[in-house]
Amino acid sequence: MRPRSFLYLAALASALAGVRTAAADDPKFVYVKPDEAKPDPKAPPPNPVEWTATSEAGLVLTTGNSENTSVGGGIHASRKAGLNKLAIDGTIAYVKTGVRSLNDKNGDGLINNAGELTEVETTTAETLVGKLRYDRFLDEHQSLYIAALAMRDVPAGKNYALGGQVGYSRRLTKTKTSESVAELGYDYSAEKDLGTPDDPPLISIHSIRAFIGYKGEMQPGTTLEASLEALSNLNHENLPTGEDGGAFNDTRVNGRLAISAKIGKGLAVQTSVEAHFDNRPGLLQVKGVMFAPGFTPAAEKLDTIMKFNLIYAFF
């Protein structure tokens, strides 16, 4: 082979080898997703769950010349997630008083010795109230609610009452330090009065309900709460007292005013006053007294309760 021909062949072989090497080492296009934004660990979740829970308690005991026991307390808790809110409330007020009375052993109408003095214990307050409520929010201003209730009030002649509520709630105002709401709905209650002298029947009450409430901060650490609720019967009631139970005659009004002041982390003191008006109250309860047949006196229409409680907030 001629030298020139050999040089041509060598150059061609080198070129082909270079082409093959380049083909094997050619870079390929690979799609790489851009870096995704990392969530801020300090940012709140899109639908945070809001918990609230508080308890309150008050106690007064006296002995000696005055025998008195007063107990009050309550619990309030709620959970809100998205458009759903569940709340539970329960309160108790109990007062037992010892009153000295005459035990006239010889029948002369006089107290002749200490043995003719006796102490009679009387329950002057026994109120239990429980409520479970669910709200479905339509938006940040309004919701539909349903609730179940249970109640007992011995001095007012109520052995127990069970019922439920449905209705519409709307926020009227809201600022950084205050909020007010109004509600309108339907209330059903099945009441059992205490028997005097006969066992009274169960009373069914269908009522229209209206409510307005306000909560605001008077100054840092001091809160004012006020509410007013009115219920009036739509149906006729057969009352054991014999009073007229026609529509709108059994009107009930409940009012409450409370002021709370913080005294520490999660701890506050609260003073409150409640007023409960019942135009058709239950049967009057007088311990140790028998009424004549056919005489069924009604209890007082207005009850008031003043409380002084310590309140602890868990959340």
Protein backbone atom coordinates (compact mmCIF):
# COMPACT_ATOMS: atom_id res chain seq x y z
CA MET A 1 0.00 0.00 0.00
CA ARG A 2 1.20 3.43 -0.82
CA PRO A 3 2.16 5.65 2.09
CA ARG A 4 -0.31 8.35 1.03
CA SER A 5 -3.21 5.86 0.91
CA PHE A 6 -2.32 4.62 4.42
CA LEU A 7 -2.45 8.16 5.76
CA TYR A 8 -5.94 8.64 4.28
CA LEU A 9 -7.22 5.45 5.90
CA ALA A 10 -5.75 6.37 9.29
CA ALA A 11 -7.36 9.83 9.19
CA LEU A 12 -10.78 8.32 8.27
CA ALA A 13 -10.57 5.79 11.13
CA SER A 14 -9.72 8.54 13.60
CA ALA A 15 -12.69 10.62 12.42
CA LEU A 16 -15.14 7.73 12.81
CA ALA A 17 -13.83 6.94 16.29
CA GLY A 18 -14.29 10.57 17.26
CA VAL A 19 -17.88 10.53 16.02
CA ARG A 20 -18.70 7.38 18.01
CA THR A 21 -17.10 8.78 21.16
CA ALA A 22 -18.97 12.03 20.83
CA ALA A 23 -22.28 10.20 20.29
CA ALA A 24 -21.74 8.13 23.40
CA ASP A 25 -20.85 11.16 25.48
CA ASP A 26 -23.50 13.58 24.12
CA PRO A 27 -25.43 15.25 26.98
CA LYS A 28 -29.17 14.36 27.22
CA PHE A 29 -31.93 16.89 28.07
CA VAL A 30 -33.52 16.03 31.40
CA TYR A 31 -36.52 18.03 32.77
CA VAL A 32 -35.95 19.16 36.34
CA LYS A 33 -38.89 20.62 38.36
CA PRO A 34 -38.14 23.99 39.84
CA ASP A 35 -37.77 24.19 43.62
CA GLU A 36 -41.20 24.29 45.25
CA ALA A 37 -41.87 26.95 47.89
CA LYS A 38 -41.43 25.46 51.33
CA PRO A 39 -44.25 26.18 53.81
CA ASP A 40 -43.52 28.56 56.63
CA PRO A 41 -43.43 26.47 59.83
CA LYS A 42 -44.65 29.49 61.80
CA ALA A 43 -47.66 30.10 59.56
CA PRO A 44 -51.06 28.93 60.97
CA PRO A 45 -52.86 26.08 59.17
CA PRO A 46 -55.45 27.09 56.56
CA ASN A 47 -58.33 25.95 58.81
CA PRO A 48 -57.11 26.16 62.41
CA VAL A 49 -58.98 24.36 65.17
CA GLU A 50 -59.99 26.79 67.92
CA TRP A 51 -60.46 25.44 71.44
CA THR A 52 -61.82 27.28 74.47
CA ALA A 53 -62.40 25.82 77.93
CA THR A 54 -63.07 27.52 81.26
CA SER A 55 -64.30 26.42 84.66
CA GLU A 56 -65.73 28.46 87.52
CA ALA A 57 -66.35 27.72 91.18
CA GLY A 58 -67.59 29.45 94.32
CA LEU A 59 -68.22 28.16 97.86
CA VAL A 60 -69.58 29.69 101.10
CA LEU A 61 -69.94 27.73 104.37
CA THR A 62 -71.17 29.11 107.70
CA THR A 63 -71.69 27.27 111.00
CA GLY A 64 -72.65 28.20 114.54
CA ASN A 65 -75.45 30.73 114.84
CA SER A 66 -76.06 30.56 111.10
CA GLU A 67 -75.98 27.26 109.24
CA ASN A 68 -75.56 27.93 105.55
CA THR A 69 -74.01 26.10 102.59
CA SER A 70 -73.68 27.79 99.19
CA VAL A 71 -72.09 26.12 96.19
CA GLY A 72 -71.83 27.45 92.66
CA GLY A 73 -69.87 26.37 89.64
CA GLY A 74 -69.83 25.76 85.94
CA ILE A 75 -67.91 24.62 82.91
CA HIS A 76 -67.84 26.11 79.41
CA ALA A 77 -66.02 24.55 76.46
CA SER A 78 -66.13 24.86 72.67
CA ARG A 79 -64.35 23.56 69.57
CA LYS A 80 -64.46 25.35 66.21
CA ALA A 81 -63.01 23.81 63.05
CA GLY A 82 -63.73 25.45 59.72
CA LEU A 83 -67.46 26.10 59.47
CA ASN A 84 -68.42 23.86 62.41
CA LYS A 85 -68.57 24.70 66.10
CA LEU A 86 -69.57 22.51 69.05
CA ALA A 87 -70.08 24.01 72.53
CA ILE A 88 -71.07 22.62 75.92
CA ASP A 89 -72.16 24.62 78.99
CA GLY A 90 -73.13 23.55 82.47
CA THR A 91 -73.87 25.51 85.66
CA ILE A 92 -74.96 24.71 89.20
CA ALA A 93 -76.20 26.84 92.09
CA TYR A 94 -77.06 25.22 95.41
CA VAL A 95 -77.91 26.88 98.74
CA LYS A 96 -79.02 25.03 101.88
CA THR A 97 -79.99 27.02 104.98
CA GLY A 98 -80.65 25.89 108.53
CA VAL A 99 -83.46 27.80 110.23
CA ARG A 100 -84.33 27.50 113.94
CA SER A 101 -87.94 26.54 114.57
CA LEU A 102 -90.20 25.82 117.53
CA ASN A 103 -90.86 22.25 118.54
CA ASP A 104 -93.65 22.90 121.05
CA LYS A 105 -93.59 19.70 123.09
CA ASN A 106 -96.10 20.78 125.74
CA GLY A 107 -98.38 22.69 123.35
CA ASP A 108 -98.40 26.00 125.22
CA GLY A 109 -97.14 27.98 122.26
CA LEU A 110 -94.02 29.09 124.17
CA ILE A 111 -90.36 28.12 124.15
CA ASN A 112 -89.73 26.84 127.66
CA ASN A 113 -86.28 25.31 127.18
CA ALA A 114 -83.57 24.68 124.59
CA GLY A 115 -85.05 21.26 123.88
CA GLU A 116 -88.00 22.93 122.18
CA LEU A 117 -85.72 24.61 119.66
CA THR A 118 -84.95 22.62 116.55
CA GLU A 119 -83.24 23.36 113.28
CA VAL A 120 -85.00 22.82 109.97
CA GLU A 121 -82.86 22.62 106.84
CA THR A 122 -84.33 24.24 103.76
CA THR A 123 -83.03 24.20 100.21
CA THR A 124 -83.32 27.81 99.09
CA ALA A 125 -81.59 27.30 95.73
CA GLU A 126 -81.05 24.23 93.61
CA THR A 127 -80.54 25.10 89.98
CA LEU A 128 -78.87 22.85 87.42
CA VAL A 129 -78.57 23.83 83.76
CA GLY A 130 -76.84 21.96 80.92
CA LYS A 131 -76.64 22.80 77.21
CA LEU A 132 -75.03 21.19 74.16
CA ARG A 133 -75.03 23.28 70.97
CA TYR A 134 -73.83 22.86 67.37
CA ASP A 135 -73.40 25.77 64.91
CA ARG A 136 -72.98 25.46 61.15
CA PHE A 137 -71.58 28.74 59.84
CA LEU A 138 -72.84 30.08 56.54
CA ASP A 139 -70.11 32.74 56.56
CA GLU A 140 -68.17 34.68 59.19
CA HIS A 141 -71.28 36.63 60.20
CA GLN A 142 -74.11 34.09 60.38
CA SER A 143 -74.85 30.50 61.33
CA LEU A 144 -77.62 27.96 61.83
CA TYR A 145 -77.72 26.27 65.23
CA ILE A 146 -79.28 23.29 67.00
CA ALA A 147 -79.10 22.66 70.75
CA ALA A 148 -80.18 20.22 73.46
CA LEU A 149 -80.97 21.45 76.99
CA ALA A 150 -81.66 20.07 80.46
CA MET A 151 -82.66 22.00 83.61
CA ARG A 152 -83.77 21.56 87.23
CA ASP A 153 -84.93 24.35 89.58
CA VAL A 154 -86.46 23.09 92.84
CA PRO A 155 -87.47 26.37 94.56
CA ALA A 156 -89.19 27.47 91.33
CA GLY A 157 -91.18 24.23 91.35
CA LYS A 158 -89.39 22.66 88.35
CA ASN A 159 -88.48 19.03 88.95
CA TYR A 160 -86.84 18.88 85.52
CA ALA A 161 -87.14 20.24 82.01
CA LEU A 162 -85.75 18.70 78.81
CA GLY A 163 -85.82 20.32 75.41
CA GLY A 164 -84.14 21.53 72.27
CA GLN A 165 -83.66 24.60 70.09
CA VAL A 166 -83.10 25.38 66.41
CA GLY A 167 -82.61 28.76 64.82
CA TYR A 168 -80.54 31.42 63.10
CA SER A 169 -77.70 33.42 64.64
CA ARG A 170 -76.11 36.58 63.25
CA ARG A 171 -73.17 38.66 64.38
CA LEU A 172 -74.26 42.28 64.61
CA THR A 173 -70.94 43.96 65.37
CA LYS A 174 -67.33 42.91 65.83
CA THR A 175 -64.26 44.94 66.72
CA LYS A 176 -60.87 44.04 68.17
CA THR A 177 -62.29 44.28 71.69
CA SER A 178 -66.04 43.57 71.44
CA GLU A 179 -68.70 41.49 69.73
CA SER A 180 -72.50 41.36 69.70
CA VAL A 181 -74.88 38.72 68.31
CA ALA A 182 -78.62 38.25 67.84
CA GLU A 183 -80.58 35.02 67.45
CA LEU A 184 -84.10 34.02 66.47
CA GLY A 185 -85.49 30.51 66.58
CA TYR A 186 -87.80 27.82 67.96
CA ASP A 187 -87.65 26.26 71.43
CA TYR A 188 -89.30 23.07 72.69
CA SER A 189 -89.45 22.15 76.37
CA ALA A 190 -91.02 19.24 78.26
CA GLU A 191 -91.40 20.28 81.91
CA LYS A 192 -92.20 18.22 84.97
CA ASP A 193 -93.26 20.26 87.99
CA LEU A 194 -92.79 19.07 91.55
CA GLY A 195 -96.00 17.53 92.87
CA THR A 196 -97.99 19.44 95.50
CA PRO A 197 -100.07 17.58 96.49
CA ASP A 198 -100.70 15.40 93.41
CA ASP A 199 -98.19 14.36 90.77
CA PRO A 200 -98.61 16.95 87.98
CA PRO A 201 -98.54 15.92 84.31
CA LEU A 202 -95.70 16.58 81.88
CA ILE A 203 -96.13 19.95 80.17
CA SER A 204 -95.09 20.42 76.53
CA ILE A 205 -94.17 23.99 75.56
CA HIS A 206 -93.58 25.15 71.98
CA SER A 207 -92.05 28.63 72.00
CA ILE A 208 -90.54 31.30 69.82
CA ARG A 209 -87.11 32.41 71.05
CA ALA A 210 -85.20 35.67 70.69
CA PHE A 211 -81.73 36.39 72.08
CA ILE A 212 -79.22 39.22 72.06
CA GLY A 213 -75.78 39.14 73.62
CA TYR A 214 -72.72 41.36 74.01
CA LYS A 215 -69.14 40.73 75.13
CA GLY A 216 -66.47 43.40 75.25
CA GLU A 217 -63.25 44.44 76.92
CA MET A 218 -63.80 47.46 79.16
CA GLN A 219 -60.05 47.84 79.66
CA PRO A 220 -57.12 45.43 79.33
CA GLY A 221 -57.90 42.40 81.48
CA THR A 222 -61.48 43.41 82.33
CA THR A 223 -64.43 42.00 80.36
CA LEU A 224 -68.13 42.83 80.39
CA GLU A 225 -70.76 40.28 79.29
CA ALA A 226 -74.48 40.98 78.93
CA SER A 227 -77.30 38.89 77.47
CA LEU A 228 -81.08 38.90 77.26
CA GLU A 229 -83.26 35.95 76.18
CA ALA A 230 -87.03 35.92 75.73
CA LEU A 231 -89.29 32.91 75.09
CA SER A 232 -93.06 32.85 74.66
CA ASN A 233 -95.33 29.83 74.20
CA LEU A 234 -97.17 29.23 70.95
CA ASN A 235 -99.45 26.44 72.23
CA HIS A 236 -102.00 26.14 75.03
CA GLU A 237 -100.67 24.63 78.28
CA ASN A 238 -102.63 22.76 80.94
CA LEU A 239 -100.96 24.21 84.04
CA PRO A 240 -101.17 22.45 87.45
CA THR A 241 -101.62 25.87 89.12
CA GLY A 242 -104.90 26.36 87.25
CA GLU A 243 -103.72 29.60 85.64
CA ASP A 244 -104.49 30.52 82.05
CA GLY A 245 -102.00 28.65 79.84
CA GLY A 246 -103.05 30.19 76.53
CA ALA A 247 -100.63 31.16 73.78
CA PHE A 248 -98.11 33.88 74.76
CA ASN A 249 -99.17 33.75 78.44
CA ASP A 250 -96.19 31.62 79.47
CA THR A 251 -93.52 34.21 78.65
CA ARG A 252 -90.06 33.71 80.14
CA VAL A 253 -87.23 36.25 80.19
CA ASN A 254 -83.65 35.50 81.24
CA GLY A 255 -81.07 38.24 81.72
CA ARG A 256 -77.42 38.12 82.78
CA LEU A 257 -74.73 40.72 83.47
CA ALA A 258 -71.16 39.72 84.40
CA ILE A 259 -67.82 41.47 84.89
CA SER A 260 -64.57 39.49 84.87
CA ALA A 261 -61.09 40.70 85.81
CA LYS A 262 -57.84 38.79 85.32
CA ILE A 263 -55.72 38.25 88.42
CA GLY A 264 -53.11 35.92 86.95
CA LYS A 265 -52.25 33.72 84.01
CA GLY A 266 -55.47 31.94 83.08
CA LEU A 267 -57.15 33.00 86.33
CA ALA A 268 -59.87 35.61 86.79
CA VAL A 269 -62.55 36.69 89.26
CA GLN A 270 -66.10 37.24 88.11
CA THR A 271 -69.11 38.95 89.64
CA SER A 272 -72.46 38.31 87.98
CA VAL A 273 -76.16 38.85 88.48
CA GLU A 274 -78.90 36.84 86.79
CA ALA A 275 -82.64 37.49 86.62
CA HIS A 276 -85.18 34.84 85.57
CA PHE A 277 -88.80 35.83 85.00
CA ASP A 278 -91.50 33.21 84.41
CA ASN A 279 -95.03 34.50 83.91
CA ARG A 280 -96.39 31.01 84.56
CA PRO A 281 -94.12 29.55 87.28
CA GLY A 282 -94.40 26.08 88.73
CA LEU A 283 -96.04 25.00 91.96
CA LEU A 284 -94.92 26.69 95.18
CA GLN A 285 -92.69 24.49 97.35
CA VAL A 286 -92.89 24.87 101.14
CA LYS A 287 -91.13 22.18 103.14
CA GLY A 288 -93.25 20.49 105.80
CA VAL A 289 -96.48 22.20 104.75
CA MET A 290 -99.53 20.51 103.24
CA PHE A 291 -101.93 22.59 101.16
CA ALA A 292 -105.66 22.06 101.25
CA PRO A 293 -107.15 20.05 98.37
CA GLY A 294 -107.70 22.25 95.35
CA PHE A 295 -105.31 24.95 96.59
CA THR A 296 -102.29 24.98 94.27
CA PRO A 297 -100.34 28.22 94.75
CA ALA A 298 -97.72 29.23 92.20
CA ALA A 299 -94.10 30.04 92.95
CA GLU A 300 -92.70 33.56 92.62
CA LYS A 301 -92.44 34.85 89.08
CA LEU A 302 -89.01 36.48 89.48
CA ASP A 303 -85.81 34.82 90.68
CA THR A 304 -82.44 36.58 90.98
CA ILE A 305 -79.02 35.03 91.52
CA MET A 306 -75.82 36.88 92.39
CA LYS A 307 -72.51 35.06 92.07
CA PHE A 308 -68.87 35.63 92.85
CA ASN A 309 -66.66 33.03 91.21
CA LEU A 310 -63.07 32.21 90.42
CA ILE A 311 -62.65 31.34 86.73
CA TYR A 312 -59.78 29.37 85.24
CA ALA A 313 -59.18 29.28 81.48
CA PHE A 314 -57.55 26.09 80.20
CA PHE A 315 -57.08 27.47 76.67
